[in-house]
Amino acid sequence: MGYRAATVTGKQTYPAPCLPVKSLRSPRHLLLLDKLRALRKGAGITQVELAERLGRPQSYVAKIEGGERRMDVLEFIDWLEAVNAADQLQPLIQDLLAIRASANEDKR
C-alpha cells in the first residue's frame, strides 16, 4: 500500500493512504493521538495524574497516546473531561472529519 503526504491545518504532515486502510495509524488516528496528548499536556497533567483521574493505570494512558490501544467513544469523552477539555469535542471532531474529506477529495 502506498502513502503520500497530506497537510493537516497547515502545521503537520500525516501519511495519507492511497488505498482504504484500517483506522489504526490512519491520518485521522494519528491526529487524534496528537490532539489527546496536546490536550493533556496543555492542561499541565502528567500521564500518571490523568490515569488517576480516569481510575486506570498509567500504562493505559501511555498505550493510548502511543497508538498501542484504542479507545471507545465513552473513554474518549472521559479523557476530555479528565483534562478539562470537554469543550474541545466539537472542534476535534471537525478536524477529524476534515481529514476524511480531504482524503476523499484526493481519491477523485
N, C-alpha and C. Protein backbone atom coordinates (compact mmCIF):
# COMPACT_ATOMS: atom_id res chain seq x y z
N MET A 1 0.84 -1.16 0.00
CA MET A 1 0.00 0.00 0.00
C MET A 1 0.89 1.23 0.00
N GLY A 2 0.58 2.17 -0.86
CA GLY A 2 1.39 3.38 -0.94
C GLY A 2 0.84 4.49 -0.07
N TYR A 3 1.68 5.45 0.24
CA TYR A 3 1.28 6.61 1.01
C TYR A 3 1.79 7.86 0.34
N ARG A 4 1.09 8.95 0.52
CA ARG A 4 1.55 10.24 0.03
C ARG A 4 1.33 11.27 1.13
N ALA A 5 2.01 12.37 1.06
CA ALA A 5 1.94 13.38 2.11
C ALA A 5 0.58 14.08 2.09
N ALA A 6 0.11 14.44 3.26
CA ALA A 6 -1.13 15.21 3.42
C ALA A 6 -0.91 16.23 4.51
N THR A 7 -1.25 17.48 4.23
CA THR A 7 -1.07 18.52 5.23
C THR A 7 -2.37 18.71 6.00
N VAL A 8 -2.24 18.79 7.30
CA VAL A 8 -3.39 18.97 8.17
C VAL A 8 -3.27 20.32 8.84
N THR A 9 -4.23 21.16 8.66
CA THR A 9 -4.29 22.51 9.23
C THR A 9 -3.00 23.29 9.03
N GLY A 10 -2.28 22.98 7.95
CA GLY A 10 -1.07 23.71 7.61
C GLY A 10 0.08 23.55 8.57
N LYS A 11 0.00 22.64 9.52
CA LYS A 11 1.04 22.51 10.53
C LYS A 11 1.82 21.21 10.45
N GLN A 12 1.11 20.10 10.35
CA GLN A 12 1.79 18.82 10.40
C GLN A 12 1.42 17.99 9.19
N THR A 13 2.30 17.09 8.85
CA THR A 13 2.03 16.20 7.74
C THR A 13 1.81 14.79 8.26
N TYR A 14 0.75 14.16 7.77
CA TYR A 14 0.42 12.80 8.14
C TYR A 14 0.40 11.97 6.87
N PRO A 15 0.71 10.69 6.96
CA PRO A 15 0.63 9.87 5.75
C PRO A 15 -0.82 9.72 5.32
N ALA A 16 -1.07 9.94 4.04
CA ALA A 16 -2.42 9.77 3.51
C ALA A 16 -2.46 8.48 2.70
N PRO A 17 -3.33 7.57 3.05
CA PRO A 17 -3.37 6.30 2.32
C PRO A 17 -3.91 6.47 0.91
N CYS A 18 -3.31 5.76 -0.01
CA CYS A 18 -3.80 5.74 -1.39
C CYS A 18 -4.95 4.74 -1.52
N LEU A 19 -4.96 3.74 -0.67
CA LEU A 19 -6.00 2.73 -0.66
C LEU A 19 -6.68 2.74 0.69
N PRO A 20 -7.90 2.24 0.78
CA PRO A 20 -8.56 2.20 2.09
C PRO A 20 -7.72 1.41 3.10
N VAL A 21 -7.65 1.95 4.30
CA VAL A 21 -6.89 1.29 5.37
C VAL A 21 -7.74 1.24 6.62
N LYS A 22 -7.34 0.41 7.54
CA LYS A 22 -7.98 0.40 8.85
C LYS A 22 -7.67 1.71 9.54
N SER A 23 -8.48 2.07 10.54
CA SER A 23 -8.31 3.36 11.19
C SER A 23 -7.06 3.44 12.06
N LEU A 24 -6.56 2.31 12.53
CA LEU A 24 -5.36 2.34 13.36
C LEU A 24 -4.19 2.85 12.54
N ARG A 25 -3.54 3.88 13.02
CA ARG A 25 -2.40 4.53 12.36
C ARG A 25 -2.78 5.25 11.07
N SER A 26 -4.07 5.50 10.88
CA SER A 26 -4.51 6.29 9.73
C SER A 26 -4.22 7.76 10.04
N PRO A 27 -4.32 8.64 9.06
CA PRO A 27 -4.11 10.06 9.34
C PRO A 27 -5.02 10.59 10.44
N ARG A 28 -6.28 10.15 10.44
CA ARG A 28 -7.20 10.61 11.49
C ARG A 28 -6.80 10.08 12.86
N HIS A 29 -6.35 8.84 12.91
CA HIS A 29 -5.93 8.26 14.19
C HIS A 29 -4.70 8.99 14.72
N LEU A 30 -3.74 9.28 13.84
CA LEU A 30 -2.54 9.99 14.26
C LEU A 30 -2.87 11.39 14.76
N LEU A 31 -3.79 12.07 14.08
CA LEU A 31 -4.22 13.39 14.54
C LEU A 31 -4.88 13.29 15.91
N LEU A 32 -5.75 12.30 16.08
CA LEU A 32 -6.42 12.11 17.37
C LEU A 32 -5.40 11.91 18.48
N LEU A 33 -4.39 11.08 18.24
CA LEU A 33 -3.37 10.84 19.26
C LEU A 33 -2.63 12.13 19.60
N ASP A 34 -2.28 12.90 18.56
CA ASP A 34 -1.59 14.17 18.79
C ASP A 34 -2.46 15.12 19.62
N LYS A 35 -3.73 15.19 19.28
CA LYS A 35 -4.64 16.10 19.99
C LYS A 35 -4.84 15.66 21.45
N LEU A 36 -5.01 14.36 21.68
CA LEU A 36 -5.20 13.87 23.05
C LEU A 36 -3.97 14.20 23.90
N ARG A 37 -2.79 13.96 23.34
CA ARG A 37 -1.55 14.25 24.05
C ARG A 37 -1.42 15.75 24.32
N ALA A 38 -1.71 16.57 23.30
CA ALA A 38 -1.60 18.02 23.44
C ALA A 38 -2.58 18.56 24.48
N LEU A 39 -3.80 18.03 24.50
CA LEU A 39 -4.78 18.47 25.50
C LEU A 39 -4.32 18.13 26.91
N ARG A 40 -3.76 16.93 27.07
CA ARG A 40 -3.27 16.53 28.40
C ARG A 40 -2.12 17.44 28.83
N LYS A 41 -1.16 17.62 27.93
CA LYS A 41 0.00 18.45 28.27
C LYS A 41 -0.40 19.91 28.47
N GLY A 42 -1.33 20.37 27.63
CA GLY A 42 -1.80 21.75 27.76
C GLY A 42 -2.48 22.03 29.09
N ALA A 43 -3.07 20.99 29.66
CA ALA A 43 -3.71 21.11 30.96
C ALA A 43 -2.70 20.96 32.09
N GLY A 44 -1.44 20.69 31.74
CA GLY A 44 -0.41 20.52 32.76
C GLY A 44 -0.56 19.24 33.55
N ILE A 45 -1.10 18.21 32.91
CA ILE A 45 -1.38 16.95 33.58
C ILE A 45 -0.42 15.88 33.07
N THR A 46 0.19 15.15 33.97
CA THR A 46 1.07 14.05 33.58
C THR A 46 0.24 12.82 33.23
N GLN A 47 0.88 11.84 32.61
CA GLN A 47 0.18 10.59 32.34
C GLN A 47 -0.30 9.94 33.63
N VAL A 48 0.51 10.01 34.66
CA VAL A 48 0.14 9.41 35.95
C VAL A 48 -1.09 10.12 36.52
N GLU A 49 -1.11 11.45 36.48
CA GLU A 49 -2.25 12.19 37.00
C GLU A 49 -3.52 11.90 36.20
N LEU A 50 -3.39 11.84 34.88
CA LEU A 50 -4.56 11.54 34.06
C LEU A 50 -5.08 10.14 34.35
N ALA A 51 -4.16 9.20 34.48
CA ALA A 51 -4.56 7.82 34.79
C ALA A 51 -5.32 7.77 36.11
N GLU A 52 -4.85 8.51 37.10
CA GLU A 52 -5.54 8.54 38.41
C GLU A 52 -6.94 9.12 38.25
N ARG A 53 -7.08 10.18 37.46
CA ARG A 53 -8.39 10.79 37.25
C ARG A 53 -9.35 9.82 36.54
N LEU A 54 -8.79 8.99 35.68
CA LEU A 54 -9.60 8.03 34.92
C LEU A 54 -9.80 6.72 35.67
N GLY A 55 -9.09 6.54 36.78
CA GLY A 55 -9.17 5.29 37.53
C GLY A 55 -8.53 4.13 36.78
N ARG A 56 -7.47 4.44 36.06
CA ARG A 56 -6.76 3.45 35.25
C ARG A 56 -5.28 3.49 35.58
N PRO A 57 -4.53 2.46 35.17
CA PRO A 57 -3.08 2.51 35.36
C PRO A 57 -2.44 3.47 34.35
N GLN A 58 -1.25 3.94 34.68
CA GLN A 58 -0.53 4.86 33.79
C GLN A 58 -0.30 4.23 32.42
N SER A 59 -0.12 2.92 32.37
CA SER A 59 0.12 2.25 31.09
C SER A 59 -1.06 2.41 30.14
N TYR A 60 -2.26 2.56 30.67
CA TYR A 60 -3.45 2.79 29.84
C TYR A 60 -3.28 4.08 29.03
N VAL A 61 -2.89 5.15 29.71
CA VAL A 61 -2.69 6.44 29.05
C VAL A 61 -1.54 6.34 28.05
N ALA A 62 -0.44 5.72 28.47
CA ALA A 62 0.72 5.60 27.59
C ALA A 62 0.39 4.80 26.33
N LYS A 63 -0.37 3.74 26.48
CA LYS A 63 -0.71 2.90 25.32
C LYS A 63 -1.66 3.62 24.37
N ILE A 64 -2.57 4.39 24.90
CA ILE A 64 -3.46 5.15 24.02
C ILE A 64 -2.66 6.22 23.28
N GLU A 65 -1.86 6.99 24.01
CA GLU A 65 -1.08 8.05 23.37
C GLU A 65 -0.06 7.49 22.39
N GLY A 66 0.41 6.28 22.63
CA GLY A 66 1.39 5.66 21.75
C GLY A 66 0.76 4.89 20.60
N GLY A 67 -0.56 4.84 20.56
CA GLY A 67 -1.24 4.15 19.48
C GLY A 67 -1.30 2.65 19.61
N GLU A 68 -0.95 2.14 20.80
CA GLU A 68 -0.98 0.70 21.02
C GLU A 68 -2.35 0.20 21.47
N ARG A 69 -3.18 1.11 21.95
CA ARG A 69 -4.51 0.74 22.43
C ARG A 69 -5.51 1.73 21.88
N ARG A 70 -6.65 1.22 21.48
CA ARG A 70 -7.73 2.07 21.00
C ARG A 70 -8.66 2.41 22.15
N MET A 71 -9.43 3.46 21.97
CA MET A 71 -10.40 3.84 22.99
C MET A 71 -11.78 3.92 22.35
N ASP A 72 -12.79 3.61 23.14
CA ASP A 72 -14.14 3.75 22.61
C ASP A 72 -14.62 5.18 22.86
N VAL A 73 -15.79 5.50 22.36
CA VAL A 73 -16.28 6.86 22.44
C VAL A 73 -16.49 7.32 23.89
N LEU A 74 -16.91 6.43 24.76
CA LEU A 74 -17.11 6.82 26.16
C LEU A 74 -15.77 7.09 26.84
N GLU A 75 -14.76 6.29 26.54
CA GLU A 75 -13.42 6.55 27.08
C GLU A 75 -12.88 7.88 26.55
N PHE A 76 -13.17 8.17 25.30
CA PHE A 76 -12.76 9.43 24.67
C PHE A 76 -13.37 10.62 25.41
N ILE A 77 -14.66 10.54 25.68
CA ILE A 77 -15.33 11.62 26.41
C ILE A 77 -14.78 11.74 27.83
N ASP A 78 -14.55 10.61 28.50
CA ASP A 78 -13.96 10.62 29.85
C ASP A 78 -12.60 11.30 29.83
N TRP A 79 -11.79 11.02 28.81
CA TRP A 79 -10.45 11.62 28.67
C TRP A 79 -10.58 13.14 28.58
N LEU A 80 -11.49 13.61 27.69
CA LEU A 80 -11.66 15.05 27.53
C LEU A 80 -12.12 15.70 28.83
N GLU A 81 -13.04 15.06 29.53
CA GLU A 81 -13.49 15.61 30.81
C GLU A 81 -12.37 15.62 31.84
N ALA A 82 -11.54 14.59 31.86
CA ALA A 82 -10.46 14.48 32.84
C ALA A 82 -9.39 15.55 32.64
N VAL A 83 -9.24 16.04 31.41
CA VAL A 83 -8.25 17.09 31.15
C VAL A 83 -8.95 18.46 31.01
N ASN A 84 -10.20 18.51 31.46
CA ASN A 84 -10.99 19.75 31.43
C ASN A 84 -11.08 20.33 30.03
N ALA A 85 -11.31 19.46 29.04
CA ALA A 85 -11.37 19.90 27.65
C ALA A 85 -12.62 19.39 26.94
N ALA A 86 -13.69 19.19 27.68
CA ALA A 86 -14.92 18.70 27.05
C ALA A 86 -15.41 19.66 25.98
N ASP A 87 -15.08 20.94 26.11
CA ASP A 87 -15.47 21.94 25.11
C ASP A 87 -14.71 21.76 23.79
N GLN A 88 -13.69 20.92 23.79
CA GLN A 88 -12.91 20.66 22.57
C GLN A 88 -13.46 19.51 21.75
N LEU A 89 -14.52 18.88 22.21
CA LEU A 89 -15.08 17.73 21.49
C LEU A 89 -15.49 18.10 20.07
N GLN A 90 -16.29 19.12 19.90
CA GLN A 90 -16.77 19.51 18.57
C GLN A 90 -15.62 19.94 17.65
N PRO A 91 -14.69 20.81 18.08
CA PRO A 91 -13.58 21.17 17.19
C PRO A 91 -12.72 19.96 16.80
N LEU A 92 -12.51 19.05 17.72
CA LEU A 92 -11.71 17.87 17.42
C LEU A 92 -12.40 17.00 16.39
N ILE A 93 -13.69 16.80 16.54
CA ILE A 93 -14.44 16.01 15.56
C ILE A 93 -14.39 16.69 14.19
N GLN A 94 -14.51 18.01 14.16
CA GLN A 94 -14.44 18.74 12.89
C GLN A 94 -13.08 18.54 12.22
N ASP A 95 -12.01 18.56 13.00
CA ASP A 95 -10.67 18.32 12.45
C ASP A 95 -10.57 16.92 11.85
N LEU A 96 -11.12 15.94 12.56
CA LEU A 96 -11.07 14.55 12.08
C LEU A 96 -11.90 14.38 10.81
N LEU A 97 -13.04 15.05 10.74
CA LEU A 97 -13.88 14.99 9.54
C LEU A 97 -13.20 15.68 8.36
N ALA A 98 -12.47 16.75 8.64
CA ALA A 98 -11.77 17.48 7.57
C ALA A 98 -10.70 16.59 6.92
N ILE A 99 -10.03 15.79 7.72
CA ILE A 99 -9.02 14.88 7.17
C ILE A 99 -9.70 13.86 6.27
N ARG A 100 -10.82 13.33 6.72
CA ARG A 100 -11.55 12.35 5.92
C ARG A 100 -12.00 12.96 4.60
N ALA A 101 -12.54 14.18 4.66
CA ALA A 101 -12.99 14.86 3.44
C ALA A 101 -11.83 15.10 2.50
N SER A 102 -10.70 15.51 3.05
CA SER A 102 -9.51 15.74 2.24
C SER A 102 -9.04 14.46 1.56
N ALA A 103 -9.06 13.36 2.28
CA ALA A 103 -8.64 12.07 1.71
C ALA A 103 -9.60 11.66 0.60
N ASN A 104 -10.89 11.92 0.79
CA ASN A 104 -11.88 11.59 -0.25
C ASN A 104 -11.67 12.45 -1.49
N GLU A 105 -11.31 13.72 -1.32
CA GLU A 105 -11.03 14.60 -2.46
C GLU A 105 -9.80 14.12 -3.22
N ASP A 106 -8.80 13.64 -2.49
CA ASP A 106 -7.56 13.16 -3.13
C ASP A 106 -7.82 11.94 -4.00
N LYS A 107 -8.85 11.17 -3.67
CA LYS A 107 -9.15 9.95 -4.43
C LYS A 107 -9.79 10.26 -5.77
N ARG A 108 -10.35 11.47 -5.89
CA ARG A 108 -11.06 11.82 -7.14
C ARG A 108 -10.14 12.23 -8.23
